[in-house]
Amino acid sequence: MSKVAIIGNAGGGKSVLARRLGERFRLPVRAIDDVQWQPGWRPAPANVVAAAQAAWLAEPKWVIDGWGSWELIEQRFAVADTIVIVDFPLRVHYRWALQRQLLATLGLSKGWPPAGCRALPVTLRLLRVMRYVDRELRPRLLSLVSEERFQEQVIFLRSPRELRRWASEL
């Protein structure tokens, strides 16, 4: 494992897992959210996000956590040796995301939200986006990783228990 792409709905523990993989395998950890959101939750220009990812993909080792545009996802998956799909039931993602929102609002969340962004103002928008991801993007993602070219690389984590077990076995 030297080039790891982690993706899934919000609140699934992707960032925590990314940091754990980074520590375990001495890989630099990159988060798409850190470049796609500017202070005040303003979207970064697409070319800025694309340039950041291109620089990361050129590195010999990495963990990249997050979504970004579909084109960026496909580029990332094409060079990843491991693709981790965090795919819990939506209710679990909601619960974990709301817990994270509360902790972030209290200043107790590690690594989230992105610099210059506050958690509380985007909570309702986050919940709507999570529903959209579950209904629209998740099926597209599952279709993409079902392609033969990705069969050897994909790891599905479908419950918090599977996530904990897999992470502990690293």
Protein backbone atom coordinates (compact mmCIF):
# COMPACT_ATOMS: atom_id res chain seq x y z
CA MET A 1 0.00 0.00 0.00
CA SER A 2 1.72 3.14 -1.19
CA LYS A 3 -0.94 5.05 -3.15
CA VAL A 4 -4.26 4.94 -1.33
CA ALA A 5 -7.49 6.68 -2.34
CA ILE A 6 -10.17 6.83 0.36
CA ILE A 7 -13.69 7.88 -0.57
CA GLY A 8 -17.19 7.67 0.85
CA ASN A 9 -19.95 9.82 2.25
CA ALA A 10 -19.28 12.41 4.94
CA GLY A 11 -19.01 11.26 8.52
CA GLY A 12 -17.61 7.83 7.74
CA GLY A 13 -14.24 8.23 9.42
CA LYS A 14 -12.30 8.65 6.16
CA SER A 15 -9.97 11.33 7.50
CA VAL A 16 -9.21 9.40 10.68
CA LEU A 17 -8.51 6.29 8.61
CA ALA A 18 -6.31 8.31 6.23
CA ARG A 19 -4.22 9.62 9.13
CA ARG A 20 -3.90 6.12 10.56
CA LEU A 21 -2.76 4.70 7.21
CA GLY A 22 -0.35 7.60 6.83
CA GLU A 23 1.20 6.91 10.22
CA ARG A 24 1.31 3.13 9.75
CA PHE A 25 2.86 3.16 6.27
CA ARG A 26 4.70 6.50 6.48
CA LEU A 27 2.62 8.02 3.69
CA PRO A 28 1.86 11.72 3.24
CA VAL A 29 -1.85 12.33 3.85
CA ARG A 30 -3.71 14.70 1.56
CA ALA A 31 -7.32 15.86 1.91
CA ILE A 32 -9.30 17.12 -1.05
CA ASP A 33 -11.41 19.28 1.32
CA ASP A 34 -8.29 21.19 2.34
CA VAL A 35 -7.82 22.49 -1.20
CA GLN A 36 -11.37 22.58 -2.52
CA TRP A 37 -12.65 24.86 0.26
CA GLN A 38 -11.34 28.33 0.89
CA PRO A 39 -12.13 30.31 4.06
CA GLY A 40 -15.84 30.82 4.58
CA TRP A 41 -16.66 27.67 2.58
CA ARG A 42 -15.97 29.37 -0.73
CA PRO A 43 -15.20 26.79 -3.43
CA ALA A 44 -11.67 26.95 -4.78
CA PRO A 45 -11.29 27.28 -8.54
CA ALA A 46 -11.33 23.86 -10.22
CA ASN A 47 -7.87 24.40 -11.68
CA VAL A 48 -6.44 24.97 -8.18
CA VAL A 49 -7.88 21.69 -6.92
CA ALA A 50 -6.72 19.86 -10.07
CA ALA A 51 -3.20 21.27 -9.74
CA ALA A 52 -3.00 20.22 -6.09
CA GLN A 53 -4.10 16.69 -6.91
CA ALA A 54 -1.71 16.49 -9.88
CA ALA A 55 1.17 17.39 -7.55
CA TRP A 56 0.05 14.75 -5.04
CA LEU A 57 -0.31 12.05 -7.71
CA ALA A 58 3.24 12.79 -8.89
CA GLU A 59 4.57 11.85 -5.45
CA PRO A 60 5.81 8.28 -5.01
CA LYS A 61 3.53 7.63 -2.01
CA TRP A 62 0.30 9.12 -0.72
CA VAL A 63 -3.07 8.76 0.91
CA ILE A 64 -5.73 11.00 -0.61
CA ASP A 65 -8.99 11.42 1.27
CA GLY A 66 -12.12 12.84 -0.31
CA TRP A 67 -14.12 13.44 -3.45
CA GLY A 68 -13.46 16.41 -5.71
CA SER A 69 -14.74 16.43 -9.29
CA TRP A 70 -15.55 13.17 -11.04
CA GLU A 71 -12.59 13.70 -13.36
CA LEU A 72 -10.26 13.96 -10.35
CA ILE A 73 -11.72 10.82 -8.81
CA GLU A 74 -11.09 8.86 -12.00
CA GLN A 75 -7.53 10.19 -12.25
CA ARG A 76 -6.83 9.27 -8.63
CA PHE A 77 -8.28 5.78 -8.96
CA ALA A 78 -6.29 5.13 -12.14
CA VAL A 79 -2.98 5.46 -10.27
CA ALA A 80 -4.00 4.22 -6.81
CA ASP A 81 -2.82 0.78 -5.75
CA THR A 82 -5.56 0.69 -3.08
CA ILE A 83 -9.05 2.21 -3.20
CA VAL A 84 -10.94 2.23 0.09
CA ILE A 85 -14.69 2.77 -0.15
CA VAL A 86 -16.30 3.69 3.17
CA ASP A 87 -19.90 2.71 2.47
CA PHE A 88 -21.97 2.63 5.65
CA PRO A 89 -25.76 2.91 5.74
CA LEU A 90 -26.72 6.58 5.38
CA ARG A 91 -28.07 6.75 8.95
CA VAL A 92 -24.59 5.88 10.29
CA HIS A 93 -22.98 8.56 8.13
CA TYR A 94 -25.57 11.07 9.40
CA ARG A 95 -24.94 10.15 13.04
CA TRP A 96 -21.15 10.32 12.74
CA ALA A 97 -21.29 13.56 10.73
CA LEU A 98 -23.54 15.22 13.30
CA GLN A 99 -21.21 14.10 16.09
CA ARG A 100 -18.29 15.57 14.18
CA GLN A 101 -20.22 18.81 13.60
CA LEU A 102 -20.85 19.12 17.32
CA LEU A 103 -17.23 18.39 18.23
CA ALA A 104 -15.99 20.86 15.59
CA THR A 105 -18.36 23.54 16.88
CA LEU A 106 -16.91 23.00 20.36
CA GLY A 107 -13.37 23.15 18.95
CA LEU A 108 -12.73 19.48 19.73
CA SER A 109 -12.52 18.02 16.20
CA LYS A 110 -9.11 17.07 14.86
CA GLY A 111 -8.45 17.94 11.23
CA TRP A 112 -11.90 19.27 10.32
CA PRO A 113 -13.32 21.62 9.13
CA PRO A 114 -10.85 23.01 6.58
CA ALA A 115 -8.86 26.10 7.59
CA GLY A 116 -10.94 29.26 7.74
CA CYS A 117 -14.26 27.36 7.73
CA ARG A 118 -16.67 26.90 10.61
CA ALA A 119 -18.70 23.72 11.06
CA LEU A 120 -22.02 24.99 12.36
CA PRO A 121 -23.11 27.23 9.46
CA VAL A 122 -22.93 24.37 6.94
CA THR A 123 -24.65 21.62 8.93
CA LEU A 124 -27.99 21.67 7.08
CA ARG A 125 -26.24 21.97 3.72
CA LEU A 126 -23.99 19.05 4.72
CA LEU A 127 -26.99 16.84 5.46
CA ARG A 128 -28.53 17.68 2.06
CA VAL A 129 -25.22 16.95 0.32
CA MET A 130 -24.94 13.64 2.16
CA ARG A 131 -28.36 12.61 0.88
CA TYR A 132 -27.34 13.62 -2.66
CA VAL A 133 -24.10 11.65 -2.37
CA ASP A 134 -26.00 8.59 -1.18
CA ARG A 135 -28.68 8.74 -3.88
CA GLU A 136 -26.74 10.07 -6.87
CA LEU A 137 -22.97 9.75 -6.48
CA ARG A 138 -22.76 6.48 -4.54
CA PRO A 139 -24.33 4.41 -7.37
CA ARG A 140 -21.98 6.07 -9.86
CA LEU A 141 -19.00 5.37 -7.59
CA LEU A 142 -20.00 1.73 -7.13
CA SER A 143 -20.37 1.37 -10.89
CA LEU A 144 -16.92 2.86 -11.46
CA VAL A 145 -15.14 0.57 -9.00
CA SER A 146 -16.98 -2.47 -10.33
CA GLU A 147 -15.01 -2.10 -13.57
CA GLU A 148 -12.55 -4.93 -14.10
CA ARG A 149 -9.53 -2.60 -14.01
CA PHE A 150 -10.21 -1.81 -10.34
CA GLN A 151 -11.11 -5.28 -9.05
CA GLU A 152 -7.77 -5.97 -7.39
CA GLN A 153 -7.53 -2.56 -5.72
CA VAL A 154 -10.90 -2.02 -4.02
CA ILE A 155 -11.60 -2.55 -0.33
CA PHE A 156 -15.18 -2.01 0.85
CA LEU A 157 -15.80 -1.05 4.47
CA ARG A 158 -19.55 -1.37 4.98
CA SER A 159 -19.88 -0.91 8.73
CA PRO A 160 -18.04 0.75 11.58
CA ARG A 161 -17.11 -2.74 12.76
CA GLU A 162 -15.49 -3.58 9.40
CA LEU A 163 -13.66 -0.24 9.46
CA ARG A 164 -12.29 -0.86 12.97
CA ARG A 165 -11.33 -4.47 12.15
CA TRP A 166 -9.58 -3.56 8.90
CA ALA A 167 -7.75 -0.63 10.51
CA SER A 168 -6.61 -2.77 13.42
CA GLU A 169 -5.22 -5.43 11.07
CA LEU A 170 -2.98 -2.98 9.21
